[in-house]
Amino acid sequence: MSTRATTDRTVLFIVTSFWAYGELAIATEFARRMDGTGFKPLFLIPPTHRRLIAEAGLEHQVMVPGAGKINRIQLADIQHVHRPALVVLADFMNFDFCDRHYGLSRSDLQVFECPIGTFDDFSWGREGAWLDTYGFKAKYEGDITLDGLSFRLRPCPLNNPLDEVDPDVHPYPLLADMADVPTTERAAVRRDLGLHRDRPVVLVTGATWQRMHAAYPRVTAFVEASHRMLEELLLRLLDHADVLAVGPQLVFHDRVPDGFHPLGPLPPERFRRLIQAVDLHISNNIVSVSLHRLALGGIPSVALMNSLHKRSGKLRWELPDPPVLSESAQRVVERVDYLYPCRMFPVGWFQFLRSLLDGNPFSDMVAQAEMFDEEAALATIVPMLTDGPQRDRLAEARETYLTALRKLPEVDTVLRRVTGS
């Protein structure tokens, strides 16, 4: 439990996404930086997040799944006991659909006598942006609204730190520590992993929530095709580097090739130590907090994406100069009936994130590669394994981005502005 002074005012963070940890990571990162600000955090979380919040030493209460009456009593009790100065929805999009999980709705927030806002991770409401989910415009998009929320906390990245904002929008640096990833234990970590060869080390990351698509057979086929392309890419990459895979094992189920090391999910402390051995990071989710953390820490990073459609047997690229598929890619594409553009695997969000990335200096800091164009992906990745102009370009883009982040207000300033204190 927290040892902060009892005179500190409470900020309540409500987390309802029980299958994803990105929203939790953004909220806990913000909360850790509240020491000495005159505010203290209190979390209301799903049972799945209890261990992580406890290990972070953050005060918390746990919602009861399917028990709306009990959860509403908890809200009333928090208001009575803690009298929050602010309430922050970790993910307003998910909160609006959590009634079937926790029996809560926006109207239940009326118990609080303070400003209520949210983390706005993607500059919601951008002109021309529409929410494409699994290749289709999301039917629920019209039900998502910021109405009734009085402020937005806008973490950068992935938001553009150069954007003009209105008085109710508060951009801030997502991470407090943006120093280079340390290398003091690099040799020891490599020995622990059995990496005895003097070769570059590539980290591939994924998350459990990315596998929650079983209800959609066409999506499952797309996911399997994407994993086959990832296998093809990694097999060729293993000629140049060892590969560490963190998260659920997505590839090489039948035979693990030499140089591929599936490590499974790792706790935060082990992950932070592991990355000291890494020369390059590959992710298939450009909104990943881990991707942002490593790129900001100076580890060259690549975001795999897909611009290729396939419907009714017809292929179409979202590119002005479409590539020619390799033989292996052709075999994979021929076996699947449905492909859709994707920046956040496997949900999609290709169109939704387009305008957020356009003109955003973050786009220069992370290389992007097409997962179904393995030749171009390799041409992007392999030169980044060692020192050279590609790594220099990313390092320069990182410094430009960090300069923009350093001009943003920090957490204490944001809290004072939101509360008017």
Protein backbone atom coordinates (compact mmCIF):
# COMPACT_ATOMS: atom_id res chain seq x y z
CA MET A 1 0.00 0.00 0.00
CA SER A 2 1.04 3.59 -0.54
CA THR A 3 2.77 5.58 2.22
CA ARG A 4 1.90 8.97 0.75
CA ALA A 5 0.69 11.71 3.08
CA THR A 6 -3.01 11.50 3.95
CA THR A 7 -3.41 15.16 3.02
CA ASP A 8 -2.81 14.34 -0.63
CA ARG A 9 -5.89 14.52 -2.81
CA THR A 10 -7.03 11.30 -4.47
CA VAL A 11 -7.07 10.68 -8.20
CA LEU A 12 -9.20 7.62 -9.01
CA PHE A 13 -8.17 5.56 -12.05
CA ILE A 14 -10.87 3.20 -13.32
CA VAL A 15 -9.54 0.33 -15.44
CA THR A 16 -12.05 -1.99 -17.13
CA SER A 17 -9.98 -3.68 -19.89
CA PHE A 18 -9.32 -7.06 -18.29
CA TRP A 19 -7.71 -8.69 -21.35
CA ALA A 20 -5.28 -5.90 -22.33
CA TYR A 21 -2.48 -4.32 -20.36
CA GLY A 22 -1.63 -1.28 -22.49
CA GLU A 23 -4.24 0.93 -20.82
CA LEU A 24 -3.09 -0.30 -17.42
CA ALA A 25 0.55 0.48 -18.28
CA ILE A 26 -0.33 4.03 -19.35
CA ALA A 27 -2.31 4.64 -16.16
CA THR A 28 0.28 3.15 -13.80
CA GLU A 29 3.09 5.07 -15.50
CA PHE A 30 1.15 8.29 -14.91
CA ALA A 31 0.36 7.30 -11.30
CA ARG A 32 3.99 6.54 -10.40
CA ARG A 33 4.90 10.13 -11.26
CA MET A 34 2.40 11.61 -8.80
CA ASP A 35 4.73 11.46 -5.80
CA GLY A 36 5.29 14.94 -4.44
CA THR A 37 2.50 16.49 -6.53
CA GLY A 38 -0.07 16.78 -3.71
CA PHE A 39 -2.13 14.00 -5.31
CA LYS A 40 -2.23 10.25 -4.66
CA PRO A 41 -3.52 7.50 -6.96
CA LEU A 42 -6.26 4.98 -6.22
CA PHE A 43 -7.05 2.25 -8.76
CA LEU A 44 -10.32 0.42 -9.35
CA ILE A 45 -9.35 -2.62 -11.41
CA PRO A 46 -10.45 -6.03 -12.74
CA PRO A 47 -9.28 -9.08 -10.77
CA THR A 48 -6.85 -9.96 -13.59
CA HIS A 49 -4.75 -6.87 -12.81
CA ARG A 50 -4.52 -7.34 -9.03
CA ARG A 51 -1.01 -8.82 -8.99
CA LEU A 52 0.55 -6.17 -11.26
CA ILE A 53 -0.99 -3.29 -9.31
CA ALA A 54 0.07 -4.82 -5.99
CA GLU A 55 3.63 -5.33 -7.23
CA ALA A 56 3.68 -1.67 -8.30
CA GLY A 57 2.77 -0.70 -4.73
CA LEU A 58 -0.33 1.22 -5.82
CA GLU A 59 -3.42 1.45 -3.63
CA HIS A 60 -6.32 -0.34 -5.29
CA GLN A 61 -9.76 -1.88 -5.02
CA VAL A 62 -11.04 -4.74 -7.17
CA MET A 63 -14.28 -4.86 -9.14
CA VAL A 64 -16.47 -7.96 -8.95
CA PRO A 65 -17.29 -9.42 -12.40
CA GLY A 66 -21.01 -9.53 -13.12
CA ALA A 67 -21.93 -7.77 -9.88
CA GLY A 68 -23.15 -4.33 -10.91
CA LYS A 69 -24.80 -3.57 -7.57
CA ILE A 70 -21.63 -4.31 -5.61
CA ASN A 71 -19.50 -2.30 -8.03
CA ARG A 72 -21.86 0.69 -7.76
CA ILE A 73 -21.61 0.43 -3.98
CA GLN A 74 -17.81 0.53 -4.37
CA LEU A 75 -18.06 3.74 -6.39
CA ALA A 76 -20.25 5.33 -3.73
CA ASP A 77 -17.88 4.19 -0.99
CA ILE A 78 -14.87 5.63 -2.82
CA GLN A 79 -16.68 8.95 -3.10
CA HIS A 80 -17.61 8.90 0.59
CA VAL A 81 -14.19 7.83 1.92
CA HIS A 82 -11.72 9.36 -0.53
CA ARG A 83 -13.65 12.24 -2.11
CA PRO A 84 -11.56 12.12 -5.33
CA ALA A 85 -10.26 15.35 -6.81
CA LEU A 86 -10.34 13.70 -10.25
CA VAL A 87 -11.66 10.52 -11.85
CA VAL A 88 -9.74 9.19 -14.86
CA LEU A 89 -11.09 6.45 -17.13
CA ALA A 90 -8.09 4.44 -18.28
CA ASP A 91 -9.98 3.57 -21.47
CA PHE A 92 -13.25 5.40 -22.10
CA MET A 93 -13.91 3.27 -25.18
CA ASN A 94 -13.94 0.10 -23.11
CA PHE A 95 -15.81 1.66 -20.17
CA ASP A 96 -18.76 2.36 -22.44
CA PHE A 97 -19.01 -1.38 -23.15
CA CYS A 98 -18.21 -2.77 -19.69
CA ASP A 99 -21.82 -3.01 -18.52
CA ARG A 100 -21.99 -6.71 -19.37
CA HIS A 101 -18.75 -7.41 -17.46
CA TYR A 102 -19.13 -5.18 -14.41
CA GLY A 103 -22.63 -3.74 -14.64
CA LEU A 104 -21.35 -0.15 -14.82
CA SER A 105 -22.30 2.67 -17.18
CA ARG A 106 -21.52 6.37 -17.59
CA SER A 107 -24.52 7.29 -15.47
CA ASP A 108 -22.96 5.52 -12.47
CA LEU A 109 -20.11 8.04 -12.53
CA GLN A 110 -22.53 10.75 -11.42
CA VAL A 111 -21.81 9.69 -7.83
CA PHE A 112 -18.51 11.60 -8.05
CA GLU A 113 -18.36 15.32 -7.25
CA CYS A 114 -15.26 16.15 -9.30
CA PRO A 115 -14.08 16.45 -12.89
CA ILE A 116 -14.20 13.17 -14.83
CA GLY A 117 -11.93 12.60 -17.81
CA THR A 118 -9.95 9.99 -19.66
CA PHE A 119 -6.68 9.03 -21.24
CA ASP A 120 -7.07 9.91 -24.91
CA ASP A 121 -4.49 7.57 -26.39
CA PHE A 122 -5.33 8.23 -30.06
CA SER A 123 -6.58 11.83 -30.31
CA TRP A 124 -10.16 10.62 -30.56
CA GLY A 125 -12.40 12.58 -32.92
CA ARG A 126 -9.72 13.45 -35.47
CA GLU A 127 -11.23 14.80 -38.68
CA GLY A 128 -11.52 12.11 -41.35
CA ALA A 129 -10.60 9.24 -39.01
CA TRP A 130 -12.88 6.23 -38.91
CA LEU A 131 -12.54 3.08 -36.87
CA ASP A 132 -11.80 0.05 -39.05
CA THR A 133 -11.96 -3.20 -37.09
CA TYR A 134 -11.01 -6.48 -38.78
CA GLY A 135 -11.30 -4.69 -42.11
CA PHE A 136 -14.78 -3.19 -41.64
CA LYS A 137 -16.04 0.09 -40.26
CA ALA A 138 -16.89 -0.61 -36.65
CA LYS A 139 -20.64 -0.70 -36.10
CA TYR A 140 -20.20 0.57 -32.55
CA GLU A 141 -18.18 3.65 -33.55
CA GLY A 142 -21.21 5.92 -33.33
CA ASP A 143 -21.79 4.77 -29.75
CA ILE A 144 -18.37 5.96 -28.59
CA THR A 145 -18.39 9.49 -27.30
CA LEU A 146 -16.41 11.85 -25.13
CA ASP A 147 -19.58 13.70 -24.16
CA GLY A 148 -19.71 14.40 -20.44
CA LEU A 149 -15.95 14.03 -19.95
CA SER A 150 -14.32 17.29 -18.97
CA PHE A 151 -10.65 16.62 -19.74
CA ARG A 152 -8.36 14.39 -21.81
CA LEU A 153 -4.89 13.25 -20.78
CA ARG A 154 -3.07 12.71 -24.08
CA PRO A 155 0.11 10.56 -23.79
CA CYS A 156 2.87 11.09 -26.36
CA PRO A 157 3.56 8.76 -28.09
CA LEU A 158 1.46 7.73 -29.90
CA ASN A 159 -0.17 11.15 -30.03
CA ASN A 160 1.61 13.92 -31.89
CA PRO A 161 3.42 16.23 -29.42
CA LEU A 162 3.37 19.00 -32.05
CA ASP A 163 -0.42 19.10 -32.42
CA GLU A 164 -2.32 22.20 -31.40
CA VAL A 165 -4.67 21.32 -28.54
CA ASP A 166 -7.68 22.91 -26.84
CA PRO A 167 -7.74 23.85 -23.13
CA ASP A 168 -9.37 20.56 -22.10
CA VAL A 169 -6.68 18.45 -23.79
CA HIS A 170 -3.43 17.88 -21.91
CA PRO A 171 -0.54 16.26 -23.83
CA TYR A 172 2.30 14.92 -21.72
CA PRO A 173 5.28 12.55 -22.16
CA LEU A 174 4.08 8.96 -21.86
CA LEU A 175 7.24 7.84 -20.07
CA ALA A 176 9.24 9.52 -17.33
CA ASP A 177 12.46 7.71 -18.19
CA MET A 178 13.51 8.32 -21.77
CA ALA A 179 17.19 7.63 -21.28
CA ASP A 180 19.09 5.06 -23.32
CA VAL A 181 18.45 1.45 -22.37
CA PRO A 182 21.41 0.54 -20.12
CA THR A 183 23.97 -2.01 -21.29
CA THR A 184 25.82 -2.72 -18.04
CA GLU A 185 24.43 -6.28 -17.90
CA ARG A 186 24.42 -6.92 -21.62
CA ALA A 187 27.10 -9.62 -21.53
CA ALA A 188 25.58 -11.31 -18.48
CA VAL A 189 22.09 -11.37 -20.01
CA ARG A 190 23.45 -12.88 -23.23
CA ARG A 191 25.26 -15.58 -21.24
CA ASP A 192 22.10 -16.36 -19.24
CA LEU A 193 20.19 -16.80 -22.52
CA GLY A 194 22.86 -19.04 -23.99
CA LEU A 195 23.75 -16.52 -26.69
CA HIS A 196 27.38 -17.45 -27.14
CA ARG A 197 27.77 -16.45 -30.76
CA ASP A 198 28.85 -12.94 -31.57
CA ARG A 199 25.67 -12.13 -33.52
CA PRO A 200 23.04 -9.38 -33.30
CA VAL A 201 19.99 -10.12 -31.14
CA VAL A 202 16.47 -9.38 -32.33
CA LEU A 203 13.50 -9.18 -29.95
CA VAL A 204 10.01 -10.05 -31.21
CA THR A 205 7.12 -9.18 -28.89
CA GLY A 206 3.44 -10.04 -28.76
CA ALA A 207 0.59 -9.92 -26.23
CA THR A 208 -2.06 -12.36 -25.01
CA TRP A 209 -4.93 -10.04 -25.97
CA GLN A 210 -3.87 -10.31 -29.62
CA ARG A 211 -5.19 -13.87 -29.64
CA MET A 212 -8.76 -12.97 -28.62
CA HIS A 213 -10.32 -13.33 -32.04
CA ALA A 214 -11.59 -16.93 -32.01
CA ALA A 215 -15.19 -15.83 -32.58
CA TYR A 216 -14.27 -14.57 -36.06
CA PRO A 217 -13.22 -17.43 -38.39
CA ARG A 218 -12.12 -15.08 -41.18
CA VAL A 219 -9.95 -13.18 -38.73
CA THR A 220 -8.44 -16.42 -37.48
CA ALA A 221 -7.46 -17.29 -41.07
CA PHE A 222 -5.86 -13.85 -41.50
CA VAL A 223 -3.98 -14.26 -38.21
CA GLU A 224 -2.66 -17.67 -39.26
CA ALA A 225 -1.55 -16.28 -42.63
CA SER A 226 0.22 -13.41 -40.87
CA HIS A 227 1.98 -15.84 -38.54
CA ARG A 228 3.15 -17.88 -41.52
CA MET A 229 4.61 -14.72 -43.05
CA LEU A 230 6.30 -13.95 -39.73
CA GLU A 231 7.82 -17.44 -39.76
CA GLU A 232 9.15 -16.87 -43.28
CA LEU A 233 10.64 -13.54 -42.25
CA LEU A 234 12.24 -14.91 -39.09
CA LEU A 235 13.67 -17.97 -40.84
CA ARG A 236 15.57 -15.68 -43.19
CA LEU A 237 16.45 -13.26 -40.39
CA LEU A 238 18.01 -16.14 -38.41
CA ASP A 239 20.77 -16.19 -41.03
CA HIS A 240 21.85 -12.83 -39.62
CA ALA A 241 20.83 -12.78 -35.94
CA ASP A 242 19.49 -14.68 -32.95
CA VAL A 243 15.83 -14.03 -32.19
CA LEU A 244 14.21 -13.76 -28.75
CA ALA A 245 10.40 -14.04 -28.64
CA VAL A 246 8.53 -12.62 -25.62
CA GLY A 247 4.82 -13.31 -25.17
CA PRO A 248 2.65 -16.19 -26.39
CA GLN A 249 4.53 -18.37 -28.89
CA LEU A 250 3.06 -17.57 -32.30
CA VAL A 251 5.45 -19.36 -34.64
CA PHE A 252 7.60 -22.49 -34.97
CA HIS A 253 5.26 -24.78 -33.03
CA ASP A 254 6.44 -27.93 -34.85
CA ARG A 255 10.18 -27.27 -34.85
CA VAL A 256 12.13 -24.51 -33.16
CA PRO A 257 15.00 -23.51 -35.46
CA ASP A 258 18.50 -22.90 -34.21
CA GLY A 259 18.87 -19.37 -32.90
CA PHE A 260 15.17 -18.87 -32.05
CA HIS A 261 14.48 -18.55 -28.32
CA PRO A 262 10.79 -18.56 -27.21
CA LEU A 263 10.79 -17.05 -23.72
CA GLY A 264 7.04 -16.77 -23.13
CA PRO A 265 5.50 -13.89 -21.14
CA LEU A 266 7.94 -12.14 -18.81
CA PRO A 267 7.34 -10.01 -15.70
CA PRO A 268 8.34 -6.35 -16.07
CA GLU A 269 11.61 -6.63 -14.13
CA ARG A 270 12.87 -9.55 -16.22
CA PHE A 271 11.83 -7.77 -19.41
CA ARG A 272 13.70 -4.62 -18.44
CA ARG A 273 16.85 -6.70 -17.86
CA LEU A 274 16.38 -8.70 -21.06
CA ILE A 275 16.31 -5.69 -23.36
CA GLN A 276 19.92 -4.89 -22.48
CA ALA A 277 20.89 -7.75 -24.82
CA VAL A 278 18.75 -6.54 -27.73
CA ASP A 279 19.99 -4.86 -30.92
CA LEU A 280 16.63 -4.57 -32.71
CA HIS A 281 12.96 -4.85 -31.76
CA ILE A 282 10.10 -6.06 -34.00
CA SER A 283 6.43 -5.61 -33.10
CA ASN A 284 3.23 -6.09 -35.08
CA ASN A 285 1.40 -3.44 -33.05
CA ILE A 286 2.38 0.19 -33.57
CA VAL A 287 0.32 1.29 -30.54
CA SER A 288 2.25 -1.05 -28.21
CA VAL A 289 3.61 0.65 -25.09
CA SER A 290 6.54 -1.78 -25.19
CA LEU A 291 7.35 -0.62 -28.73
CA HIS A 292 7.24 2.99 -27.60
CA ARG A 293 9.35 2.28 -24.54
CA LEU A 294 12.11 0.51 -26.47
CA ALA A 295 12.17 3.00 -29.35
CA LEU A 296 12.38 5.92 -26.93
CA GLY A 297 15.13 4.01 -25.10
CA GLY A 298 17.27 3.94 -28.23
CA ILE A 299 16.65 0.38 -29.43
CA PRO A 300 16.04 0.44 -33.22
CA SER A 301 12.45 -0.72 -33.71
CA VAL A 302 10.31 -1.98 -36.58
CA ALA A 303 6.51 -2.08 -36.69
CA LEU A 304 5.12 -4.75 -39.00
CA MET A 305 1.95 -3.70 -40.80
CA ASN A 306 -0.24 -4.85 -43.67
CA SER A 307 -1.58 -2.81 -46.58
CA LEU A 308 -2.94 -5.79 -48.55
CA HIS A 309 -6.65 -6.48 -49.03
CA LYS A 310 -8.13 -9.73 -50.27
CA ARG A 311 -11.86 -10.06 -50.84
CA SER A 312 -13.73 -12.28 -53.29
CA GLY A 313 -10.41 -13.53 -54.62
CA LYS A 314 -9.17 -10.05 -55.55
CA LEU A 315 -6.00 -8.47 -54.17
CA ARG A 316 -5.58 -4.73 -53.63
CA TRP A 317 -2.83 -2.77 -51.89
CA GLU A 318 -3.19 0.49 -49.97
CA LEU A 319 0.02 1.60 -51.61
CA PRO A 320 0.76 3.86 -54.61
CA ASP A 321 3.46 1.46 -55.82
CA PRO A 322 2.26 -2.09 -54.98
CA PRO A 323 5.03 -4.67 -54.49
CA VAL A 324 5.28 -8.02 -56.25
CA LEU A 325 4.63 -10.91 -53.87
CA SER A 326 7.41 -13.43 -53.37
CA GLU A 327 6.70 -17.08 -54.11
CA SER A 328 6.31 -17.89 -50.41
CA ALA A 329 3.98 -14.92 -49.89
CA GLN A 330 1.92 -15.97 -52.92
CA ARG A 331 1.47 -19.45 -51.43
CA VAL A 332 0.30 -17.99 -48.15
CA VAL A 333 -2.07 -15.48 -49.76
CA GLU A 334 -3.60 -18.12 -52.05
CA ARG A 335 -4.63 -20.22 -49.04
CA VAL A 336 -6.69 -17.49 -47.37
CA ASP A 337 -9.92 -15.87 -48.56
CA TYR A 338 -9.80 -12.67 -46.56
CA LEU A 339 -7.02 -10.18 -45.81
CA TYR A 340 -7.39 -6.67 -44.44
CA PRO A 341 -5.07 -3.72 -43.76
CA CYS A 342 -3.68 -3.66 -40.25
CA ARG A 343 -1.48 -1.46 -38.06
CA MET A 344 -2.62 -2.86 -34.70
CA PHE A 345 -2.52 -6.62 -35.11
CA PRO A 346 -4.97 -8.29 -35.45
CA VAL A 347 -7.68 -5.66 -34.82
CA GLY A 348 -6.77 -3.55 -37.83
CA TRP A 349 -7.06 0.20 -37.23
CA PHE A 350 -5.18 0.86 -40.48
CA GLN A 351 -7.40 3.79 -41.49
CA PHE A 352 -8.05 4.94 -37.93
CA LEU A 353 -4.34 5.43 -37.23
CA ARG A 354 -3.42 6.85 -40.64
CA SER A 355 -4.06 10.51 -39.82
CA LEU A 356 -2.57 10.11 -36.34
CA LEU A 357 0.72 8.96 -37.85
CA ASP A 358 0.80 11.41 -40.77
CA GLY A 359 3.05 14.32 -39.88
CA ASN A 360 3.77 12.75 -36.50
CA PRO A 361 7.52 12.75 -35.71
CA PHE A 362 7.05 9.36 -34.05
CA SER A 363 6.61 7.89 -37.54
CA ASP A 364 10.22 8.78 -38.34
CA MET A 365 11.48 7.15 -35.14
CA VAL A 366 10.07 3.66 -35.84
CA ALA A 367 10.59 1.90 -39.17
CA GLN A 368 7.49 0.34 -40.71
CA ALA A 369 7.56 -2.79 -42.87
CA GLU A 370 4.93 -4.76 -44.79
CA MET A 371 4.44 -8.24 -43.35
CA PHE A 372 3.35 -9.68 -46.74
CA ASP A 373 6.32 -8.14 -48.55
CA GLU A 374 9.12 -10.16 -47.00
CA GLU A 375 11.81 -8.93 -49.41
CA ALA A 376 11.20 -5.29 -48.53
CA ALA A 377 10.86 -6.16 -44.84
CA LEU A 378 14.24 -7.87 -44.86
CA ALA A 379 15.74 -4.96 -46.77
CA THR A 380 14.49 -2.69 -43.97
CA ILE A 381 15.48 -4.89 -41.03
CA VAL A 382 18.86 -6.42 -41.88
CA PRO A 383 20.78 -3.12 -42.32
CA MET A 384 19.43 -2.01 -38.92
CA LEU A 385 21.15 -4.91 -37.12
CA THR A 386 24.49 -3.12 -37.12
CA ASP A 387 25.80 0.43 -37.10
CA GLY A 388 25.21 2.34 -40.31
CA PRO A 389 23.09 5.05 -41.94
CA GLN A 390 19.75 3.36 -41.13
CA ARG A 391 20.47 3.28 -37.40
CA ASP A 392 21.88 6.81 -37.57
CA ARG A 393 18.66 8.04 -39.19
CA LEU A 394 16.52 6.47 -36.43
CA ALA A 395 18.80 7.92 -33.75
CA GLU A 396 18.46 11.40 -35.25
CA ALA A 397 14.66 11.03 -35.47
CA ARG A 398 14.58 9.87 -31.85
CA GLU A 399 16.46 12.96 -30.69
CA THR A 400 14.07 15.19 -32.65
CA TYR A 401 11.11 13.46 -31.01
CA LEU A 402 12.61 13.62 -27.53
CA THR A 403 13.19 17.35 -28.00
CA ALA A 404 9.47 17.76 -28.69
CA LEU A 405 8.55 15.63 -25.66
CA ARG A 406 10.76 17.67 -23.33
CA LYS A 407 8.68 20.76 -24.14
CA LEU A 408 5.47 19.12 -22.87
CA PRO A 409 4.20 19.67 -19.32
CA GLU A 410 4.92 16.96 -16.76
CA VAL A 411 2.38 15.12 -14.59
CA ASP A 412 2.41 17.62 -11.72
CA THR A 413 1.68 20.53 -14.08
CA VAL A 414 -1.08 18.57 -15.83
CA LEU A 415 -2.78 17.74 -12.51
CA ARG A 416 -2.71 21.37 -11.40
CA ARG A 417 -4.16 22.52 -14.72
CA VAL A 418 -6.96 19.95 -14.71
CA THR A 419 -7.97 20.73 -11.12
CA GLY A 420 -7.44 24.48 -11.48
CA SER A 421 -5.11 24.51 -8.47
